Amino acid sequence: MTTPGLEIEHVSVSFDGPPVLADVSLRVDRGAIVAVLGPSGSGKSTLLRVVAGLVGPSSGLVRVDGTDMTGIPTHRRGVGLVFQSNQLFPHLDVAGNVGYGLRIARTPTEQRHARVEELLALVGMTGHAHRDVTTLSGGEAARVALARSLATSPRVLLLDEPLSGLDHDLRYTLADDLRRVIRAAGSTALVVTHDPVEAQRIADK
């Protein structure tokens, strides 16, 4: 029997108006990639933020590798989050962005540098460690954001429309690369998108 990497059980979220999420349950097996499809405003991003601990559910719970995440802060949940806009730090170069989480975790410098080089190779960005991130193309920025999210070996990877804003041909090429990288990293992944083709290319389910 497969082991769940991520379980979302009866999660509801309400702010001041109608529910944003209503009794949502979802299971992602460990090492699997699951896509959630829906139009803008349907609550996809809110669902990811609940898993990450950035939004508290009105009811329900989230488990990561069988552990109830209720009350556990974002930085201790073991999740990586790739935002729609990538949100790279403009004052850091590519290596600085990828290694940011490792530096915060006080990973020894030599080990951190080795991990950054490993991840840049994984996402096809070898040789770009010292580039200014403001000079990156949309596709390159997406690769760096993915590498940064994988740096601390998160148990669950959350991707919020990671390829939006790119032209169709590049988006689908990167979707294939994204699947390869997530597979190589062995991550459990939940990706939200409005694009059925992108979902089919990235996800198992």
C-alpha atoms as a PDB file:
ATOM      1  CA  MET A   1       0.000   0.000   0.000  1.00  0.00           C
ATOM      2  CA  THR A   2       1.308   3.444  -0.927  1.00  0.00           C
ATOM      3  CA  THR A   3       2.195   5.896   1.840  1.00  0.00           C
ATOM      4  CA  PRO A   4       0.611   9.358   1.797  1.00  0.00           C
ATOM      5  CA  GLY A   5       3.091  12.214   1.585  1.00  0.00           C
ATOM      6  CA  LEU A   6       0.383  14.855   1.902  1.00  0.00           C
ATOM      7  CA  GLU A   7      -3.153  14.580   3.262  1.00  0.00           C
ATOM      8  CA  ILE A   8      -5.695  17.405   3.274  1.00  0.00           C
ATOM      9  CA  GLU A   9      -8.780  16.487   5.267  1.00  0.00           C
ATOM     10  CA  HIS A  10     -12.071  18.430   5.199  1.00  0.00           C
ATOM     11  CA  VAL A  11     -10.379  21.810   4.899  1.00  0.00           C
ATOM     12  CA  SER A  12     -12.572  24.905   4.722  1.00  0.00           C
ATOM     13  CA  VAL A  13     -11.431  28.520   4.565  1.00  0.00           C
ATOM     14  CA  SER A  14     -13.595  31.588   5.017  1.00  0.00           C
ATOM     15  CA  PHE A  15     -12.544  35.204   5.302  1.00  0.00           C
ATOM     16  CA  ASP A  16     -15.290  37.843   5.433  1.00  0.00           C
ATOM     17  CA  GLY A  17     -17.583  36.521   2.717  1.00  0.00           C
ATOM     18  CA  PRO A  18     -18.563  33.164   1.187  1.00  0.00           C
ATOM     19  CA  PRO A  19     -16.170  30.220   1.747  1.00  0.00           C
ATOM     20  CA  VAL A  20     -13.034  30.265  -0.401  1.00  0.00           C
ATOM     21  CA  LEU A  21     -12.623  26.520   0.204  1.00  0.00           C
ATOM     22  CA  ALA A  22     -15.435  24.247   1.376  1.00  0.00           C
ATOM     23  CA  ASP A  23     -14.710  20.777   2.807  1.00  0.00           C
ATOM     24  CA  VAL A  24     -11.718  19.993   0.578  1.00  0.00           C
ATOM     25  CA  SER A  25     -10.047  16.600   0.985  1.00  0.00           C
ATOM     26  CA  LEU A  26      -7.058  15.443  -1.056  1.00  0.00           C
ATOM     27  CA  ARG A  27      -4.307  12.835  -0.790  1.00  0.00           C
ATOM     28  CA  VAL A  28      -0.961  12.853  -2.563  1.00  0.00           C
ATOM     29  CA  ASP A  29       1.038   9.626  -2.287  1.00  0.00           C
ATOM     30  CA  ARG A  30       4.664   9.996  -1.268  1.00  0.00           C
ATOM     31  CA  GLY A  31       6.764  10.767  -4.359  1.00  0.00           C
ATOM     32  CA  ALA A  32       3.729  11.483  -6.544  1.00  0.00           C
ATOM     33  CA  ILE A  33       2.896  14.660  -8.470  1.00  0.00           C
ATOM     34  CA  VAL A  34      -0.750  15.764  -8.339  1.00  0.00           C
ATOM     35  CA  ALA A  35      -2.196  18.746 -10.222  1.00  0.00           C
ATOM     36  CA  VAL A  36      -5.235  20.725  -9.113  1.00  0.00           C
ATOM     37  CA  LEU A  37      -7.004  22.399 -12.042  1.00  0.00           C
ATOM     38  CA  GLY A  38      -9.354  25.344 -11.877  1.00  0.00           C
ATOM     39  CA  PRO A  39      -9.982  28.892 -13.085  1.00  0.00           C
ATOM     40  CA  SER A  40      -8.701  32.022 -11.365  1.00  0.00           C
ATOM     41  CA  GLY A  41     -10.496  32.693  -8.104  1.00  0.00           C
ATOM     42  CA  SER A  42     -11.454  29.066  -7.466  1.00  0.00           C
ATOM     43  CA  GLY A  43      -9.274  28.775  -4.341  1.00  0.00           C
ATOM     44  CA  LYS A  44      -6.275  26.882  -5.748  1.00  0.00           C
ATOM     45  CA  SER A  45      -3.648  29.247  -4.348  1.00  0.00           C
ATOM     46  CA  THR A  46      -5.445  29.390  -1.002  1.00  0.00           C
ATOM     47  CA  LEU A  47      -5.245  25.600  -0.804  1.00  0.00           C
ATOM     48  CA  LEU A  48      -1.464  25.718  -1.248  1.00  0.00           C
ATOM     49  CA  ARG A  49      -1.162  28.441   1.362  1.00  0.00           C
ATOM     50  CA  VAL A  50      -3.100  26.327   3.843  1.00  0.00           C
ATOM     51  CA  VAL A  51      -0.668  23.444   3.289  1.00  0.00           C
ATOM     52  CA  ALA A  52       2.284  25.820   3.678  1.00  0.00           C
ATOM     53  CA  GLY A  53       0.864  27.306   6.856  1.00  0.00           C
ATOM     54  CA  LEU A  54       0.489  30.803   5.382  1.00  0.00           C
ATOM     55  CA  VAL A  55      -3.310  30.669   5.754  1.00  0.00           C
ATOM     56  CA  GLY A  56      -5.066  29.025   8.694  1.00  0.00           C
ATOM     57  CA  PRO A  57      -8.068  26.839   7.811  1.00  0.00           C
ATOM     58  CA  SER A  58     -11.438  27.579   9.368  1.00  0.00           C
ATOM     59  CA  SER A  59     -11.757  23.827   9.836  1.00  0.00           C
ATOM     60  CA  GLY A  60      -9.987  20.644   8.797  1.00  0.00           C
ATOM     61  CA  LEU A  61      -6.341  19.620   8.965  1.00  0.00           C
ATOM     62  CA  VAL A  62      -3.222  18.966   6.914  1.00  0.00           C
ATOM     63  CA  ARG A  63      -0.810  16.056   7.417  1.00  0.00           C
ATOM     64  CA  VAL A  64       2.682  15.794   5.920  1.00  0.00           C
ATOM     65  CA  ASP A  65       4.167  12.294   6.061  1.00  0.00           C
ATOM     66  CA  GLY A  66       1.499  11.422   8.623  1.00  0.00           C
ATOM     67  CA  THR A  67       2.254  14.355  10.949  1.00  0.00           C
ATOM     68  CA  ASP A  68      -0.554  16.789  11.774  1.00  0.00           C
ATOM     69  CA  MET A  69       0.658  20.273  10.793  1.00  0.00           C
ATOM     70  CA  THR A  70      -1.837  22.160  12.988  1.00  0.00           C
ATOM     71  CA  GLY A  71       0.042  24.859  14.879  1.00  0.00           C
ATOM     72  CA  ILE A  72       3.370  24.137  13.174  1.00  0.00           C
ATOM     73  CA  PRO A  73       4.870  27.293  11.575  1.00  0.00           C
ATOM     74  CA  THR A  74       5.728  27.452   7.891  1.00  0.00           C
ATOM     75  CA  HIS A  75       9.516  27.178   8.328  1.00  0.00           C
ATOM     76  CA  ARG A  76       9.156  23.909  10.267  1.00  0.00           C
ATOM     77  CA  ARG A  77       6.693  22.161   7.956  1.00  0.00           C
ATOM     78  CA  GLY A  78       9.238  20.818   5.497  1.00  0.00           C
ATOM     79  CA  VAL A  79       7.470  22.303   2.483  1.00  0.00           C
ATOM     80  CA  GLY A  80       8.881  24.196  -0.480  1.00  0.00           C
ATOM     81  CA  LEU A  81       6.744  26.774  -2.274  1.00  0.00           C
ATOM     82  CA  VAL A  82       7.194  28.094  -5.817  1.00  0.00           C
ATOM     83  CA  PHE A  83       5.076  31.192  -6.326  1.00  0.00           C
ATOM     84  CA  GLN A  84       3.433  32.276  -9.576  1.00  0.00           C
ATOM     85  CA  SER A  85       5.788  35.249  -9.971  1.00  0.00           C
ATOM     86  CA  ASN A  86       8.892  33.276  -8.861  1.00  0.00           C
ATOM     87  CA  GLN A  87       9.709  36.092  -6.375  1.00  0.00           C
ATOM     88  CA  LEU A  88      13.486  35.898  -6.660  1.00  0.00           C
ATOM     89  CA  PHE A  89      15.494  38.179  -4.386  1.00  0.00           C
ATOM     90  CA  PRO A  90      16.826  40.933  -6.686  1.00  0.00           C
ATOM     91  CA  HIS A  91      19.737  41.809  -4.370  1.00  0.00           C
ATOM     92  CA  LEU A  92      21.142  38.256  -4.590  1.00  0.00           C
ATOM     93  CA  ASP A  93      22.695  36.541  -7.588  1.00  0.00           C
ATOM     94  CA  VAL A  94      21.490  33.150  -8.849  1.00  0.00           C
ATOM     95  CA  ALA A  95      23.618  31.188  -6.373  1.00  0.00           C
ATOM     96  CA  GLY A  96      22.534  33.457  -3.525  1.00  0.00           C
ATOM     97  CA  ASN A  97      18.890  32.838  -4.342  1.00  0.00           C
ATOM     98  CA  VAL A  98      19.270  29.068  -4.647  1.00  0.00           C
ATOM     99  CA  GLY A  99      21.303  28.833  -1.447  1.00  0.00           C
ATOM    100  CA  TYR A 100      19.201  31.248   0.596  1.00  0.00           C
ATOM    101  CA  GLY A 101      17.344  28.624   2.626  1.00  0.00           C
ATOM    102  CA  LEU A 102      20.571  26.733   3.257  1.00  0.00           C
ATOM    103  CA  ARG A 103      22.247  29.896   4.535  1.00  0.00           C
ATOM    104  CA  ILE A 104      19.320  30.566   6.881  1.00  0.00           C
ATOM    105  CA  ALA A 105      19.674  26.975   8.114  1.00  0.00           C
ATOM    106  CA  ARG A 106      23.392  27.667   8.716  1.00  0.00           C
ATOM    107  CA  THR A 107      24.533  24.935   6.353  1.00  0.00           C
ATOM    108  CA  PRO A 108      28.360  24.966   6.186  1.00  0.00           C
ATOM    109  CA  THR A 109      29.645  27.071   3.282  1.00  0.00           C
ATOM    110  CA  GLU A 110      31.353  24.266   1.365  1.00  0.00           C
ATOM    111  CA  GLN A 111      28.318  22.016   1.670  1.00  0.00           C
ATOM    112  CA  ARG A 112      26.020  24.869   0.645  1.00  0.00           C
ATOM    113  CA  HIS A 113      28.075  25.665  -2.454  1.00  0.00           C
ATOM    114  CA  ALA A 114      28.090  22.001  -3.482  1.00  0.00           C
ATOM    115  CA  ARG A 115      24.314  21.768  -3.087  1.00  0.00           C
ATOM    116  CA  VAL A 116      23.789  24.937  -5.145  1.00  0.00           C
ATOM    117  CA  GLU A 117      25.958  23.593  -7.971  1.00  0.00           C
ATOM    118  CA  GLU A 118      24.112  20.265  -7.846  1.00  0.00           C
ATOM    119  CA  LEU A 119      20.738  21.976  -8.144  1.00  0.00           C
ATOM    120  CA  LEU A 120      21.813  24.341 -10.908  1.00  0.00           C
ATOM    121  CA  ALA A 121      22.951  21.311 -12.900  1.00  0.00           C
ATOM    122  CA  LEU A 122      19.630  19.593 -12.199  1.00  0.00           C
ATOM    123  CA  VAL A 123      17.602  22.520 -13.588  1.00  0.00           C
ATOM    124  CA  GLY A 124      19.901  23.132 -16.550  1.00  0.00           C
ATOM    125  CA  MET A 125      21.545  26.309 -15.221  1.00  0.00           C
ATOM    126  CA  THR A 126      25.165  25.197 -14.805  1.00  0.00           C
ATOM    127  CA  GLY A 127      27.537  28.142 -15.173  1.00  0.00           C
ATOM    128  CA  HIS A 128      24.949  30.757 -14.196  1.00  0.00           C
ATOM    129  CA  ALA A 129      25.688  30.891 -10.447  1.00  0.00           C
ATOM    130  CA  HIS A 130      26.915  34.487 -10.423  1.00  0.00           C
ATOM    131  CA  ARG A 131      24.374  36.010 -12.799  1.00  0.00           C
ATOM    132  CA  ASP A 132      22.261  38.960 -11.723  1.00  0.00           C
ATOM    133  CA  VAL A 133      18.723  37.556 -11.442  1.00  0.00           C
ATOM    134  CA  THR A 134      17.295  40.721 -13.055  1.00  0.00           C
ATOM    135  CA  THR A 135      18.971  39.628 -16.326  1.00  0.00           C
ATOM    136  CA  LEU A 136      17.245  36.214 -16.401  1.00  0.00           C
ATOM    137  CA  SER A 137      14.576  35.325 -18.944  1.00  0.00           C
ATOM    138  CA  GLY A 138      11.199  34.130 -17.672  1.00  0.00           C
ATOM    139  CA  GLY A 139      12.168  30.519 -18.239  1.00  0.00           C
ATOM    140  CA  GLU A 140      15.515  30.916 -16.498  1.00  0.00           C
ATOM    141  CA  ALA A 141      13.881  32.618 -13.518  1.00  0.00           C
ATOM    142  CA  ALA A 142      11.412  29.734 -13.247  1.00  0.00           C
ATOM    143  CA  ARG A 143      14.306  27.254 -13.161  1.00  0.00           C
ATOM    144  CA  VAL A 144      16.122  29.211 -10.455  1.00  0.00           C
ATOM    145  CA  ALA A 145      12.952  29.455  -8.375  1.00  0.00           C
ATOM    146  CA  LEU A 146      12.504  25.683  -8.636  1.00  0.00           C
ATOM    147  CA  ALA A 147      16.119  25.056  -7.633  1.00  0.00           C
ATOM    148  CA  ARG A 148      15.702  27.371  -4.626  1.00  0.00           C
ATOM    149  CA  SER A 149      12.574  25.531  -3.509  1.00  0.00           C
ATOM    150  CA  LEU A 150      14.404  22.182  -3.646  1.00  0.00           C
ATOM    151  CA  ALA A 151      17.561  23.333  -1.848  1.00  0.00           C
ATOM    152  CA  THR A 152      16.509  22.227   1.635  1.00  0.00           C
ATOM    153  CA  SER A 153      15.069  18.908   0.362  1.00  0.00           C
ATOM    154  CA  PRO A 154      11.450  19.657   1.301  1.00  0.00           C
ATOM    155  CA  ARG A 155       9.135  16.742   2.047  1.00  0.00           C
ATOM    156  CA  VAL A 156       6.395  18.389  -0.025  1.00  0.00           C
ATOM    157  CA  LEU A 157       6.838  20.767  -2.954  1.00  0.00           C
ATOM    158  CA  LEU A 158       3.996  23.225  -3.659  1.00  0.00           C
ATOM    159  CA  LEU A 159       3.867  24.963  -7.050  1.00  0.00           C
ATOM    160  CA  ASP A 160       1.469  27.844  -7.662  1.00  0.00           C
ATOM    161  CA  GLU A 161       1.036  28.367 -11.436  1.00  0.00           C
ATOM    162  CA  PRO A 162       4.842  28.062 -11.770  1.00  0.00           C
ATOM    163  CA  LEU A 163       4.921  28.557 -15.546  1.00  0.00           C
ATOM    164  CA  SER A 164       2.341  31.304 -15.984  1.00  0.00           C
ATOM    165  CA  GLY A 165       3.378  34.285 -18.072  1.00  0.00           C
ATOM    166  CA  LEU A 166       5.561  32.206 -20.394  1.00  0.00           C
ATOM    167  CA  ASP A 167       4.662  31.621 -24.041  1.00  0.00           C
ATOM    168  CA  HIS A 168       3.018  28.291 -24.857  1.00  0.00           C
ATOM    169  CA  ASP A 169       6.004  26.528 -26.452  1.00  0.00           C
ATOM    170  CA  LEU A 170       8.378  27.444 -23.635  1.00  0.00           C
ATOM    171  CA  ARG A 171       5.778  26.644 -20.980  1.00  0.00           C
ATOM    172  CA  TYR A 172       5.258  23.116 -22.239  1.00  0.00           C
ATOM    173  CA  THR A 173       8.992  22.488 -22.642  1.00  0.00           C
ATOM    174  CA  LEU A 174       9.532  23.679 -19.081  1.00  0.00           C
ATOM    175  CA  ALA A 175       6.596  21.559 -17.898  1.00  0.00           C
ATOM    176  CA  ASP A 176       8.439  18.475 -19.132  1.00  0.00           C
ATOM    177  CA  ASP A 177      11.628  19.664 -17.428  1.00  0.00           C
ATOM    178  CA  LEU A 178       9.704  20.404 -14.240  1.00  0.00           C
ATOM    179  CA  ARG A 179       8.399  16.844 -14.095  1.00  0.00           C
ATOM    180  CA  ARG A 180      11.905  15.470 -14.674  1.00  0.00           C
ATOM    181  CA  VAL A 181      13.419  17.640 -11.939  1.00  0.00           C
ATOM    182  CA  ILE A 182      10.710  16.808  -9.380  1.00  0.00           C
ATOM    183  CA  ARG A 183      11.128  13.113 -10.170  1.00  0.00           C
ATOM    184  CA  ALA A 184      14.912  13.336  -9.821  1.00  0.00           C
ATOM    185  CA  ALA A 185      14.541  15.120  -6.480  1.00  0.00           C
ATOM    186  CA  GLY A 186      12.104  12.465  -5.221  1.00  0.00           C
ATOM    187  CA  SER A 187       9.683  15.112  -3.970  1.00  0.00           C
ATOM    188  CA  THR A 188       5.979  14.766  -3.249  1.00  0.00           C
ATOM    189  CA  ALA A 189       4.441  17.611  -5.251  1.00  0.00           C
ATOM    190  CA  LEU A 190       1.155  19.473  -5.486  1.00  0.00           C
ATOM    191  CA  VAL A 191       0.880  21.871  -8.422  1.00  0.00           C
ATOM    192  CA  VAL A 192      -2.017  24.190  -9.199  1.00  0.00           C
ATOM    193  CA  THR A 193      -2.690  25.436 -12.712  1.00  0.00           C
ATOM    194  CA  HIS A 194      -5.497  26.598 -14.994  1.00  0.00           C
ATOM    195  CA  ASP A 195      -3.919  24.834 -18.011  1.00  0.00           C
ATOM    196  CA  PRO A 196      -5.008  21.194 -18.620  1.00  0.00           C
ATOM    197  CA  VAL A 197      -2.090  20.496 -20.998  1.00  0.00           C
ATOM    198  CA  GLU A 198       0.418  21.778 -18.466  1.00  0.00           C
ATOM    199  CA  ALA A 199      -1.197  19.616 -15.792  1.00  0.00           C
ATOM    200  CA  GLN A 200      -1.003  16.516 -17.978  1.00  0.00           C
ATOM    201  CA  ARG A 201       2.654  17.121 -18.753  1.00  0.00           C
ATOM    202  CA  ILE A 202       3.728  17.681 -15.130  1.00  0.00           C
ATOM    203  CA  ALA A 203       1.484  15.478 -13.013  1.00  0.00           C
ATOM    204  CA  ASP A 204       0.753  11.797 -12.447  1.00  0.00           C
ATOM    205  CA  LYS A 205      -2.843  12.572 -11.500  1.00  0.00           C
END
